[in-house]
């Protein structure tokens, strides 16, 4: 069976086709970064309008380049939430319209479940059960995963998500959008002058808090000479603090669950320093760690097609209601 996946939760228009035997057939992605960079961040209304402009042409291109027609498609999966409401509605309305016109079932997919299952697209996928760390611009979650749809939330961010803290700290340092990526690039030229705290690691529990770390970075910057080297040194210290905090919490989660496999996914999982720190921690714990390839860390249609395929196997399809939820906890799955 062929599953068409549609992703429009924020500022990337992603489409893909996943086959039950062949695996990922093809995927395409259009990023709006250049448009939003003019405004220093994502403008929701502009994002929605750009999804409208690009989604149907991308689907046509995807089918053409895959040598498939709509008759070959078994079901249409789309991101139903969480995300920007307007952007979600574009994907949901398009998916339901195609499902109606093509006489195919539609499958609503949780955006973070898509990220969680993204490593399954690799040649060497993880096996259940495992602990998953989901780190993106809007979420920082630790989840015990027993199987598809069998998720237990272990910890989450109480304020800023890791990616959000990266972006906000970058903005405080005067870096352009997308801030998190620019901060990581700047950190490469940093010197280890500053020691930032590792928030909430001195107490029990698996929740995260990064807003204080962002404030610490601002205070450090204000006390410095505010040179380019100062910015680089602060970027390095901030990134190291986030990476160490994530590693400490992941180790606790593995000890708490007794598991030896860690899956790391979401946009921030592409960060080289975070990958290296978590990989080093897992080597010391004699465990296994899995990441999606960098192109599948950020929002993409491939992960939605795969997650939609898994949900379709469970018999989960939508009626003709255009279903979109800007806030949607994974615990509700």
C-alpha atoms as a PDB file:
ATOM      1  CA  UNK A   1       0.000   0.000   0.000  1.00  0.00           C
ATOM      2  CA  UNK A   2       1.069   3.559  -0.706  1.00  0.00           C
ATOM      3  CA  UNK A   3       0.517   6.248   1.942  1.00  0.00           C
ATOM      4  CA  UNK A   4       0.679   9.928   0.980  1.00  0.00           C
ATOM      5  CA  UNK A   5       1.955  12.087   3.843  1.00  0.00           C
ATOM      6  CA  UNK A   6       1.317  15.836   4.194  1.00  0.00           C
ATOM      7  CA  UNK A   7       3.092  18.090   6.714  1.00  0.00           C
ATOM      8  CA  UNK A   8       2.097  21.763   7.175  1.00  0.00           C
ATOM      9  CA  UNK A   9       2.313  22.366  10.928  1.00  0.00           C
ATOM     10  CA  UNK A  10       4.562  25.442  10.805  1.00  0.00           C
ATOM     11  CA  UNK A  11       6.903  26.862   8.171  1.00  0.00           C
ATOM     12  CA  UNK A  12       7.764  23.841   6.026  1.00  0.00           C
ATOM     13  CA  UNK A  13       5.566  22.240   3.401  1.00  0.00           C
ATOM     14  CA  UNK A  14       6.445  18.553   3.268  1.00  0.00           C
ATOM     15  CA  UNK A  15       4.991  15.714   1.205  1.00  0.00           C
ATOM     16  CA  UNK A  16       6.067  12.091   0.886  1.00  0.00           C
ATOM     17  CA  UNK A  17       4.947   8.639  -0.179  1.00  0.00           C
ATOM     18  CA  UNK A  18       5.630   5.571   1.970  1.00  0.00           C
ATOM     19  CA  UNK A  19       5.094   2.010   0.719  1.00  0.00           C
ATOM     20  CA  UNK A  20       4.409  -0.967   2.963  1.00  0.00           C
ATOM     21  CA  UNK A  21       7.106  -3.060   1.242  1.00  0.00           C
ATOM     22  CA  UNK A  22       9.420  -0.588  -0.486  1.00  0.00           C
ATOM     23  CA  UNK A  23       9.664   1.843   2.413  1.00  0.00           C
ATOM     24  CA  UNK A  24      10.046   5.527   1.653  1.00  0.00           C
ATOM     25  CA  UNK A  25       9.400   6.033  -2.056  1.00  0.00           C
ATOM     26  CA  UNK A  26       9.994   9.756  -2.414  1.00  0.00           C
ATOM     27  CA  UNK A  27       9.689  12.991  -0.461  1.00  0.00           C
ATOM     28  CA  UNK A  28       9.782  16.722  -1.187  1.00  0.00           C
ATOM     29  CA  UNK A  29      10.162  19.702   1.117  1.00  0.00           C
ATOM     30  CA  UNK A  30       9.671  23.407   0.646  1.00  0.00           C
ATOM     31  CA  UNK A  31      11.038  25.661   3.400  1.00  0.00           C
ATOM     32  CA  UNK A  32       9.743  29.155   4.152  1.00  0.00           C
ATOM     33  CA  UNK A  33      12.860  30.228   6.070  1.00  0.00           C
ATOM     34  CA  UNK A  34      13.887  32.840   3.516  1.00  0.00           C
ATOM     35  CA  UNK A  35      10.477  34.518   3.667  1.00  0.00           C
ATOM     36  CA  UNK A  36      10.229  34.560   7.470  1.00  0.00           C
ATOM     37  CA  UNK A  37      13.844  35.671   8.000  1.00  0.00           C
ATOM     38  CA  UNK A  38      12.807  39.173   6.954  1.00  0.00           C
ATOM     39  CA  UNK A  39      10.604  39.334  10.059  1.00  0.00           C
ATOM     40  CA  UNK A  40      12.931  37.576  12.507  1.00  0.00           C
ATOM     41  CA  UNK A  41      10.544  34.661  13.043  1.00  0.00           C
ATOM     42  CA  UNK A  42       7.559  32.773  11.692  1.00  0.00           C
ATOM     43  CA  UNK A  43       4.569  34.937  10.741  1.00  0.00           C
ATOM     44  CA  UNK A  44       1.576  32.542  11.016  1.00  0.00           C
ATOM     45  CA  UNK A  45      -0.609  34.210   8.378  1.00  0.00           C
ATOM     46  CA  UNK A  46       2.201  34.263   5.834  1.00  0.00           C
ATOM     47  CA  UNK A  47       3.008  30.643   6.634  1.00  0.00           C
ATOM     48  CA  UNK A  48      -0.589  29.584   5.963  1.00  0.00           C
ATOM     49  CA  UNK A  49      -0.741  31.440   2.657  1.00  0.00           C
ATOM     50  CA  UNK A  50       2.527  29.934   1.490  1.00  0.00           C
ATOM     51  CA  UNK A  51       1.288  26.417   2.310  1.00  0.00           C
ATOM     52  CA  UNK A  52      -1.768  27.111   0.141  1.00  0.00           C
ATOM     53  CA  UNK A  53       0.472  28.249  -2.697  1.00  0.00           C
ATOM     54  CA  UNK A  54       2.907  25.309  -2.574  1.00  0.00           C
ATOM     55  CA  UNK A  55       1.056  22.227  -1.315  1.00  0.00           C
ATOM     56  CA  UNK A  56      -0.904  21.095  -4.391  1.00  0.00           C
ATOM     57  CA  UNK A  57       2.009  21.702  -6.822  1.00  0.00           C
ATOM     58  CA  UNK A  58       4.279  19.691  -4.509  1.00  0.00           C
ATOM     59  CA  UNK A  59       1.819  16.793  -4.386  1.00  0.00           C
ATOM     60  CA  UNK A  60       1.583  16.787  -8.189  1.00  0.00           C
ATOM     61  CA  UNK A  61       5.374  16.835  -8.468  1.00  0.00           C
ATOM     62  CA  UNK A  62       5.680  14.060  -5.888  1.00  0.00           C
ATOM     63  CA  UNK A  63       3.297  11.762  -7.757  1.00  0.00           C
ATOM     64  CA  UNK A  64       4.955  12.514 -11.098  1.00  0.00           C
ATOM     65  CA  UNK A  65       8.486  11.875  -9.843  1.00  0.00           C
ATOM     66  CA  UNK A  66       7.308   8.677  -8.107  1.00  0.00           C
ATOM     67  CA  UNK A  67       5.660   7.416 -11.312  1.00  0.00           C
ATOM     68  CA  UNK A  68       2.380   7.075  -9.429  1.00  0.00           C
ATOM     69  CA  UNK A  69      -1.165   8.371  -9.821  1.00  0.00           C
ATOM     70  CA  UNK A  70      -3.870   9.057  -7.276  1.00  0.00           C
ATOM     71  CA  UNK A  71      -5.295   5.589  -8.043  1.00  0.00           C
ATOM     72  CA  UNK A  72      -2.154   4.050  -6.534  1.00  0.00           C
ATOM     73  CA  UNK A  73      -2.585   5.864  -3.211  1.00  0.00           C
ATOM     74  CA  UNK A  74      -4.136   3.776  -0.428  1.00  0.00           C
ATOM     75  CA  UNK A  75      -4.619   6.490   2.195  1.00  0.00           C
ATOM     76  CA  UNK A  76      -3.719  10.124   2.880  1.00  0.00           C
ATOM     77  CA  UNK A  77      -2.001  11.011   6.156  1.00  0.00           C
ATOM     78  CA  UNK A  78      -1.722  14.582   7.352  1.00  0.00           C
ATOM     79  CA  UNK A  79      -0.450  16.471  10.384  1.00  0.00           C
ATOM     80  CA  UNK A  80      -3.499  17.336  12.479  1.00  0.00           C
ATOM     81  CA  UNK A  81      -1.574  18.953  15.333  1.00  0.00           C
ATOM     82  CA  UNK A  82       0.015  20.389  17.311  1.00  0.00           C
ATOM     83  CA  UNK A  83       1.127  23.450  15.371  1.00  0.00           C
ATOM     84  CA  UNK A  84      -0.065  26.757  13.961  1.00  0.00           C
ATOM     85  CA  UNK A  85      -3.821  26.554  13.488  1.00  0.00           C
ATOM     86  CA  UNK A  86      -3.917  28.218  10.074  1.00  0.00           C
ATOM     87  CA  UNK A  87      -1.076  26.110   8.744  1.00  0.00           C
ATOM     88  CA  UNK A  88      -2.638  22.910  10.091  1.00  0.00           C
ATOM     89  CA  UNK A  89      -5.964  23.763   8.464  1.00  0.00           C
ATOM     90  CA  UNK A  90      -4.324  24.033   5.046  1.00  0.00           C
ATOM     91  CA  UNK A  91      -2.945  20.499   5.305  1.00  0.00           C
ATOM     92  CA  UNK A  92      -6.102  19.082   6.891  1.00  0.00           C
ATOM     93  CA  UNK A  93      -8.454  20.666   4.342  1.00  0.00           C
ATOM     94  CA  UNK A  94      -6.264  19.580   1.427  1.00  0.00           C
ATOM     95  CA  UNK A  95      -5.951  16.023   2.729  1.00  0.00           C
ATOM     96  CA  UNK A  96      -9.681  15.676   3.344  1.00  0.00           C
ATOM     97  CA  UNK A  97     -10.524  17.185  -0.039  1.00  0.00           C
ATOM     98  CA  UNK A  98      -8.221  14.748  -1.824  1.00  0.00           C
ATOM     99  CA  UNK A  99      -9.563  11.870   0.260  1.00  0.00           C
ATOM    100  CA  UNK A 100     -13.110  12.779  -0.769  1.00  0.00           C
ATOM    101  CA  UNK A 101     -12.240  13.299  -4.436  1.00  0.00           C
ATOM    102  CA  UNK A 102     -10.085  10.164  -4.690  1.00  0.00           C
ATOM    103  CA  UNK A 103     -12.357   7.974  -2.515  1.00  0.00           C
ATOM    104  CA  UNK A 104      -9.497   7.264  -0.111  1.00  0.00           C
ATOM    105  CA  UNK A 105      -9.404   7.245   3.710  1.00  0.00           C
ATOM    106  CA  UNK A 106      -7.688  10.088   5.574  1.00  0.00           C
ATOM    107  CA  UNK A 107      -5.489   9.554   8.630  1.00  0.00           C
ATOM    108  CA  UNK A 108      -4.859  12.298  11.203  1.00  0.00           C
ATOM    109  CA  UNK A 109      -1.286  12.205  12.562  1.00  0.00           C
ATOM    110  CA  UNK A 110       0.133  13.737  15.726  1.00  0.00           C
ATOM    111  CA  UNK A 111       3.134  15.866  14.757  1.00  0.00           C
ATOM    112  CA  UNK A 112       5.324  14.678  17.648  1.00  0.00           C
ATOM    113  CA  UNK A 113       4.482  11.044  16.975  1.00  0.00           C
ATOM    114  CA  UNK A 114       5.791  11.679  13.488  1.00  0.00           C
ATOM    115  CA  UNK A 115       9.084  12.902  14.950  1.00  0.00           C
ATOM    116  CA  UNK A 116       9.194  10.006  17.412  1.00  0.00           C
ATOM    117  CA  UNK A 117       8.853   7.439  14.627  1.00  0.00           C
ATOM    118  CA  UNK A 118      11.186   9.203  12.164  1.00  0.00           C
ATOM    119  CA  UNK A 119      14.193   6.963  13.070  1.00  0.00           C
ATOM    120  CA  UNK A 120      12.124   4.013  11.839  1.00  0.00           C
ATOM    121  CA  UNK A 121      12.796   5.278   8.304  1.00  0.00           C
ATOM    122  CA  UNK A 122      16.489   4.420   8.641  1.00  0.00           C
ATOM    123  CA  UNK A 123      18.132   1.180   7.489  1.00  0.00           C
ATOM    124  CA  UNK A 124      18.877   0.241  11.098  1.00  0.00           C
ATOM    125  CA  UNK A 125      15.730   1.252  13.013  1.00  0.00           C
ATOM    126  CA  UNK A 126      15.379   0.924  16.790  1.00  0.00           C
ATOM    127  CA  UNK A 127      13.319  -1.867  18.319  1.00  0.00           C
ATOM    128  CA  UNK A 128      10.610  -1.343  20.911  1.00  0.00           C
ATOM    129  CA  UNK A 129      10.700  -0.612  23.807  1.00  0.00           C
ATOM    130  CA  UNK A 130      12.843   2.508  24.145  1.00  0.00           C
ATOM    131  CA  UNK A 131      13.050   5.932  25.733  1.00  0.00           C
ATOM    132  CA  UNK A 132      12.508   8.817  23.319  1.00  0.00           C
ATOM    133  CA  UNK A 133      13.788  12.366  23.716  1.00  0.00           C
ATOM    134  CA  UNK A 134      11.793  14.710  21.493  1.00  0.00           C
ATOM    135  CA  UNK A 135      13.405  18.129  21.164  1.00  0.00           C
ATOM    136  CA  UNK A 136      12.009  20.794  18.875  1.00  0.00           C
ATOM    137  CA  UNK A 137      11.127  24.471  18.788  1.00  0.00           C
ATOM    138  CA  UNK A 138       7.892  23.866  20.654  1.00  0.00           C
ATOM    139  CA  UNK A 139       8.465  20.706  22.668  1.00  0.00           C
ATOM    140  CA  UNK A 140      10.938  18.969  24.947  1.00  0.00           C
ATOM    141  CA  UNK A 141       9.591  15.572  25.965  1.00  0.00           C
ATOM    142  CA  UNK A 142      10.904  12.360  27.488  1.00  0.00           C
ATOM    143  CA  UNK A 143       8.660   9.434  26.591  1.00  0.00           C
ATOM    144  CA  UNK A 144       8.731   5.725  27.351  1.00  0.00           C
ATOM    145  CA  UNK A 145       7.719   3.966  24.140  1.00  0.00           C
ATOM    146  CA  UNK A 146       6.428   0.385  24.275  1.00  0.00           C
ATOM    147  CA  UNK A 147       5.032   0.386  20.730  1.00  0.00           C
ATOM    148  CA  UNK A 148       3.114   2.529  18.264  1.00  0.00           C
ATOM    149  CA  UNK A 149       0.544   4.435  20.282  1.00  0.00           C
ATOM    150  CA  UNK A 150       1.864   3.076  23.589  1.00  0.00           C
ATOM    151  CA  UNK A 151       3.472   6.134  25.134  1.00  0.00           C
ATOM    152  CA  UNK A 152       4.080   7.142  28.724  1.00  0.00           C
ATOM    153  CA  UNK A 153       5.187  10.719  29.333  1.00  0.00           C
ATOM    154  CA  UNK A 154       8.173  10.767  31.686  1.00  0.00           C
ATOM    155  CA  UNK A 155       9.096  14.442  31.626  1.00  0.00           C
ATOM    156  CA  UNK A 156       8.532  17.676  29.735  1.00  0.00           C
ATOM    157  CA  UNK A 157       9.599  21.306  29.684  1.00  0.00           C
ATOM    158  CA  UNK A 158       7.858  23.475  32.264  1.00  0.00           C
ATOM    159  CA  UNK A 159       8.539  26.664  30.265  1.00  0.00           C
ATOM    160  CA  UNK A 160      10.619  27.195  27.121  1.00  0.00           C
ATOM    161  CA  UNK A 161      11.307  24.137  25.000  1.00  0.00           C
ATOM    162  CA  UNK A 162      14.956  23.509  24.127  1.00  0.00           C
ATOM    163  CA  UNK A 163      14.578  24.795  20.576  1.00  0.00           C
ATOM    164  CA  UNK A 164      12.656  27.830  21.771  1.00  0.00           C
ATOM    165  CA  UNK A 165      15.417  28.618  24.277  1.00  0.00           C
ATOM    166  CA  UNK A 166      18.006  28.352  21.480  1.00  0.00           C
ATOM    167  CA  UNK A 167      16.029  30.776  19.310  1.00  0.00           C
ATOM    168  CA  UNK A 168      15.383  33.271  22.102  1.00  0.00           C
ATOM    169  CA  UNK A 169      18.989  33.237  23.264  1.00  0.00           C
ATOM    170  CA  UNK A 170      20.145  33.789  19.695  1.00  0.00           C
ATOM    171  CA  UNK A 171      17.834  36.774  19.435  1.00  0.00           C
ATOM    172  CA  UNK A 172      19.240  38.207  22.666  1.00  0.00           C
ATOM    173  CA  UNK A 173      22.690  37.974  21.100  1.00  0.00           C
ATOM    174  CA  UNK A 174      21.471  39.780  17.995  1.00  0.00           C
ATOM    175  CA  UNK A 175      21.687  36.762  15.693  1.00  0.00           C
ATOM    176  CA  UNK A 176      19.426  36.529  12.614  1.00  0.00           C
ATOM    177  CA  UNK A 177      16.641  34.007  12.035  1.00  0.00           C
ATOM    178  CA  UNK A 178      16.727  31.004  12.238  1.00  0.00           C
ATOM    179  CA  UNK A 179      18.352  31.724  15.569  1.00  0.00           C
ATOM    180  CA  UNK A 180      19.048  28.235  16.883  1.00  0.00           C
ATOM    181  CA  UNK A 181      21.047  27.262  13.813  1.00  0.00           C
ATOM    182  CA  UNK A 182      22.980  30.550  13.859  1.00  0.00           C
ATOM    183  CA  UNK A 183      23.790  30.137  17.558  1.00  0.00           C
ATOM    184  CA  UNK A 184      25.183  26.649  16.954  1.00  0.00           C
ATOM    185  CA  UNK A 185      27.345  27.949  14.111  1.00  0.00           C
ATOM    186  CA  UNK A 186      28.632  30.786  16.287  1.00  0.00           C
ATOM    187  CA  UNK A 187      29.433  28.382  19.128  1.00  0.00           C
ATOM    188  CA  UNK A 188      32.042  26.680  16.906  1.00  0.00           C
ATOM    189  CA  UNK A 189      34.323  29.701  17.355  1.00  0.00           C
ATOM    190  CA  UNK A 190      33.656  30.028  21.080  1.00  0.00           C
ATOM    191  CA  UNK A 191      36.119  29.603  23.945  1.00  0.00           C
ATOM    192  CA  UNK A 192      35.247  27.809  27.162  1.00  0.00           C
ATOM    193  CA  UNK A 193      35.271  30.960  29.329  1.00  0.00           C
ATOM    194  CA  UNK A 194      31.833  30.740  30.919  1.00  0.00           C
ATOM    195  CA  UNK A 195      30.184  28.065  33.035  1.00  0.00           C
ATOM    196  CA  UNK A 196      26.403  28.032  32.751  1.00  0.00           C
ATOM    197  CA  UNK A 197      24.108  26.117  35.146  1.00  0.00           C
ATOM    198  CA  UNK A 198      22.511  22.810  34.227  1.00  0.00           C
ATOM    199  CA  UNK A 199      18.908  23.653  35.208  1.00  0.00           C
ATOM    200  CA  UNK A 200      16.850  21.258  37.344  1.00  0.00           C
ATOM    201  CA  UNK A 201      19.588  18.628  37.429  1.00  0.00           C
ATOM    202  CA  UNK A 202      20.233  19.159  41.149  1.00  0.00           C
ATOM    203  CA  UNK A 203      16.787  17.794  42.032  1.00  0.00           C
ATOM    204  CA  UNK A 204      14.890  14.600  41.349  1.00  0.00           C
ATOM    205  CA  UNK A 205      12.588  14.292  38.379  1.00  0.00           C
ATOM    206  CA  UNK A 206      12.651  14.298  34.584  1.00  0.00           C
ATOM    207  CA  UNK A 207      11.089  17.675  33.776  1.00  0.00           C
ATOM    208  CA  UNK A 208      13.036  20.450  32.038  1.00  0.00           C
ATOM    209  CA  UNK A 209      13.298  24.218  32.431  1.00  0.00           C
ATOM    210  CA  UNK A 210      15.309  26.374  30.052  1.00  0.00           C
ATOM    211  CA  UNK A 211      13.946  29.886  30.626  1.00  0.00           C
ATOM    212  CA  UNK A 212      16.393  30.528  33.474  1.00  0.00           C
ATOM    213  CA  UNK A 213      19.279  29.452  31.272  1.00  0.00           C
ATOM    214  CA  UNK A 214      18.183  31.994  28.682  1.00  0.00           C
ATOM    215  CA  UNK A 215      18.141  34.702  31.376  1.00  0.00           C
ATOM    216  CA  UNK A 216      21.596  33.625  32.559  1.00  0.00           C
ATOM    217  CA  UNK A 217      22.878  34.046  29.015  1.00  0.00           C
ATOM    218  CA  UNK A 218      21.370  37.533  28.797  1.00  0.00           C
ATOM    219  CA  UNK A 219      22.905  38.613  32.120  1.00  0.00           C
ATOM    220  CA  UNK A 220      26.301  37.242  31.092  1.00  0.00           C
ATOM    221  CA  UNK A 221      26.105  39.099  27.795  1.00  0.00           C
ATOM    222  CA  UNK A 222      25.130  42.382  29.456  1.00  0.00           C
ATOM    223  CA  UNK A 223      28.132  42.114  31.804  1.00  0.00           C
ATOM    224  CA  UNK A 224      30.537  41.409  28.961  1.00  0.00           C
ATOM    225  CA  UNK A 225      32.084  43.808  26.435  1.00  0.00           C
ATOM    226  CA  UNK A 226      29.517  42.461  23.937  1.00  0.00           C
ATOM    227  CA  UNK A 227      32.165  41.712  21.307  1.00  0.00           C
ATOM    228  CA  UNK A 228      31.717  39.048  18.652  1.00  0.00           C
ATOM    229  CA  UNK A 229      34.005  36.759  20.645  1.00  0.00           C
ATOM    230  CA  UNK A 230      31.888  37.328  23.766  1.00  0.00           C
ATOM    231  CA  UNK A 231      28.838  36.264  21.769  1.00  0.00           C
ATOM    232  CA  UNK A 232      30.617  33.144  20.545  1.00  0.00           C
ATOM    233  CA  UNK A 233      31.771  32.228  24.059  1.00  0.00           C
ATOM    234  CA  UNK A 234      28.249  32.672  25.439  1.00  0.00           C
ATOM    235  CA  UNK A 235      26.796  30.630  22.586  1.00  0.00           C
ATOM    236  CA  UNK A 236      29.220  27.822  23.372  1.00  0.00           C
ATOM    237  CA  UNK A 237      28.445  27.900  27.095  1.00  0.00           C
ATOM    238  CA  UNK A 238      24.701  27.940  26.460  1.00  0.00           C
ATOM    239  CA  UNK A 239      24.834  25.052  23.986  1.00  0.00           C
ATOM    240  CA  UNK A 240      27.020  22.972  26.305  1.00  0.00           C
ATOM    241  CA  UNK A 241      24.602  23.571  29.191  1.00  0.00           C
ATOM    242  CA  UNK A 242      21.608  22.436  27.144  1.00  0.00           C
ATOM    243  CA  UNK A 243      23.428  19.356  25.848  1.00  0.00           C
ATOM    244  CA  UNK A 244      24.602  18.327  29.328  1.00  0.00           C
ATOM    245  CA  UNK A 245      21.145  18.892  30.811  1.00  0.00           C
ATOM    246  CA  UNK A 246      19.525  16.710  28.166  1.00  0.00           C
ATOM    247  CA  UNK A 247      22.121  13.976  28.728  1.00  0.00           C
ATOM    248  CA  UNK A 248      21.640  13.998  32.499  1.00  0.00           C
ATOM    249  CA  UNK A 249      17.856  13.747  32.181  1.00  0.00           C
ATOM    250  CA  UNK A 250      18.053  11.018  29.530  1.00  0.00           C
ATOM    251  CA  UNK A 251      20.359   8.948  31.720  1.00  0.00           C
ATOM    252  CA  UNK A 252      17.893   9.276  34.589  1.00  0.00           C
ATOM    253  CA  UNK A 253      15.029   8.195  32.338  1.00  0.00           C
ATOM    254  CA  UNK A 254      16.935   5.116  31.191  1.00  0.00           C
ATOM    255  CA  UNK A 255      17.775   4.160  34.777  1.00  0.00           C
ATOM    256  CA  UNK A 256      14.183   4.730  35.863  1.00  0.00           C
ATOM    257  CA  UNK A 257      12.735   2.543  33.095  1.00  0.00           C
ATOM    258  CA  UNK A 258      15.517  -0.021  32.980  1.00  0.00           C
ATOM    259  CA  UNK A 259      15.824   0.441  29.232  1.00  0.00           C
ATOM    260  CA  UNK A 260      19.054   0.610  27.239  1.00  0.00           C
ATOM    261  CA  UNK A 261      17.843   2.211  24.008  1.00  0.00           C
ATOM    262  CA  UNK A 262      17.458   5.945  23.451  1.00  0.00           C
ATOM    263  CA  UNK A 263      15.788   7.538  20.425  1.00  0.00           C
ATOM    264  CA  UNK A 264      16.414  11.258  19.856  1.00  0.00           C
ATOM    265  CA  UNK A 265      14.296  13.145  17.341  1.00  0.00           C
ATOM    266  CA  UNK A 266      12.892  16.571  16.506  1.00  0.00           C
ATOM    267  CA  UNK A 267      14.508  19.618  14.934  1.00  0.00           C
ATOM    268  CA  UNK A 268      17.049  20.174  17.723  1.00  0.00           C
ATOM    269  CA  UNK A 269      18.288  16.580  17.383  1.00  0.00           C
ATOM    270  CA  UNK A 270      20.238  17.753  14.322  1.00  0.00           C
ATOM    271  CA  UNK A 271      22.500  19.792  16.616  1.00  0.00           C
ATOM    272  CA  UNK A 272      25.989  18.272  16.380  1.00  0.00           C
ATOM    273  CA  UNK A 273      26.977  19.063  19.976  1.00  0.00           C
ATOM    274  CA  UNK A 274      23.791  17.550  21.392  1.00  0.00           C
ATOM    275  CA  UNK A 275      24.243  14.432  19.255  1.00  0.00           C
ATOM    276  CA  UNK A 276      27.837  14.015  20.398  1.00  0.00           C
ATOM    277  CA  UNK A 277      27.025  14.530  24.090  1.00  0.00           C
ATOM    278  CA  UNK A 278      24.121  12.070  24.063  1.00  0.00           C
ATOM    279  CA  UNK A 279      26.116   9.520  22.046  1.00  0.00           C
ATOM    280  CA  UNK A 280      28.997   9.738  24.528  1.00  0.00           C
ATOM    281  CA  UNK A 281      26.583   9.267  27.435  1.00  0.00           C
ATOM    282  CA  UNK A 282      25.020   6.194  25.835  1.00  0.00           C
ATOM    283  CA  UNK A 283      28.435   4.666  25.155  1.00  0.00           C
ATOM    284  CA  UNK A 284      29.278   5.026  28.848  1.00  0.00           C
ATOM    285  CA  UNK A 285      25.939   3.374  29.717  1.00  0.00           C
ATOM    286  CA  UNK A 286      26.566   0.530  27.226  1.00  0.00           C
ATOM    287  CA  UNK A 287      23.337   1.411  25.474  1.00  0.00           C
ATOM    288  CA  UNK A 288      22.181   2.138  21.933  1.00  0.00           C
ATOM    289  CA  UNK A 289      21.193   5.514  20.543  1.00  0.00           C
ATOM    290  CA  UNK A 290      19.255   6.273  17.366  1.00  0.00           C
ATOM    291  CA  UNK A 291      18.756   9.521  15.458  1.00  0.00           C
ATOM    292  CA  UNK A 292      16.896  10.260  12.234  1.00  0.00           C
ATOM    293  CA  UNK A 293      19.074  11.521   9.394  1.00  0.00           C
ATOM    294  CA  UNK A 294      19.441  15.348   9.573  1.00  0.00           C
ATOM    295  CA  UNK A 295      16.896  15.971   6.792  1.00  0.00           C
ATOM    296  CA  UNK A 296      14.276  14.087   8.815  1.00  0.00           C
ATOM    297  CA  UNK A 297      15.017  15.903  12.084  1.00  0.00           C
ATOM    298  CA  UNK A 298      13.172  19.009  10.964  1.00  0.00           C
ATOM    299  CA  UNK A 299       9.517  18.899   9.886  1.00  0.00           C
ATOM    300  CA  UNK A 300       8.992  16.696   6.835  1.00  0.00           C
ATOM    301  CA  UNK A 301       6.371  14.682   5.016  1.00  0.00           C
ATOM    302  CA  UNK A 302       8.254  11.374   5.284  1.00  0.00           C
ATOM    303  CA  UNK A 303       7.700  11.036   9.019  1.00  0.00           C
ATOM    304  CA  UNK A 304       4.000  11.838   8.596  1.00  0.00           C
ATOM    305  CA  UNK A 305       3.614   9.265   5.840  1.00  0.00           C
ATOM    306  CA  UNK A 306       5.260   6.604   8.011  1.00  0.00           C
ATOM    307  CA  UNK A 307       3.296   7.494  11.151  1.00  0.00           C
ATOM    308  CA  UNK A 308       0.133   7.578   9.041  1.00  0.00           C
ATOM    309  CA  UNK A 309       0.954   4.118   7.707  1.00  0.00           C
ATOM    310  CA  UNK A 310       1.293   2.754  11.248  1.00  0.00           C
ATOM    311  CA  UNK A 311      -1.975   4.372  12.327  1.00  0.00           C
ATOM    312  CA  UNK A 312      -3.714   3.048   9.216  1.00  0.00           C
ATOM    313  CA  UNK A 313      -2.578  -0.474  10.113  1.00  0.00           C
ATOM    314  CA  UNK A 314      -4.294   0.041  13.473  1.00  0.00           C
ATOM    315  CA  UNK A 315      -7.503   0.902  11.654  1.00  0.00           C
ATOM    316  CA  UNK A 316      -7.485   4.574  12.586  1.00  0.00           C
ATOM    317  CA  UNK A 317      -9.014   6.759   9.888  1.00  0.00           C
ATOM    318  CA  UNK A 318     -10.917  10.052   9.925  1.00  0.00           C
ATOM    319  CA  UNK A 319     -14.405  10.839   8.734  1.00  0.00           C
ATOM    320  CA  UNK A 320     -14.893  13.915   6.532  1.00  0.00           C
ATOM    321  CA  UNK A 321     -14.441  16.298   9.455  1.00  0.00           C
ATOM    322  CA  UNK A 322     -11.521  18.688   8.955  1.00  0.00           C
ATOM    323  CA  UNK A 323      -9.675  17.803  12.151  1.00  0.00           C
ATOM    324  CA  UNK A 324      -6.907  20.138  13.382  1.00  0.00           C
ATOM    325  CA  UNK A 325      -5.678  20.767  16.931  1.00  0.00           C
ATOM    326  CA  UNK A 326      -3.071  23.458  17.618  1.00  0.00           C
ATOM    327  CA  UNK A 327      -2.623  21.992  21.117  1.00  0.00           C
ATOM    328  CA  UNK A 328      -2.630  18.218  21.383  1.00  0.00           C
ATOM    329  CA  UNK A 329      -0.888  16.292  24.157  1.00  0.00           C
ATOM    330  CA  UNK A 330       0.704  12.978  23.238  1.00  0.00           C
ATOM    331  CA  UNK A 331      -0.870  11.506  26.343  1.00  0.00           C
ATOM    332  CA  UNK A 332      -4.213  11.738  24.521  1.00  0.00           C
ATOM    333  CA  UNK A 333      -3.138   9.335  21.783  1.00  0.00           C
END
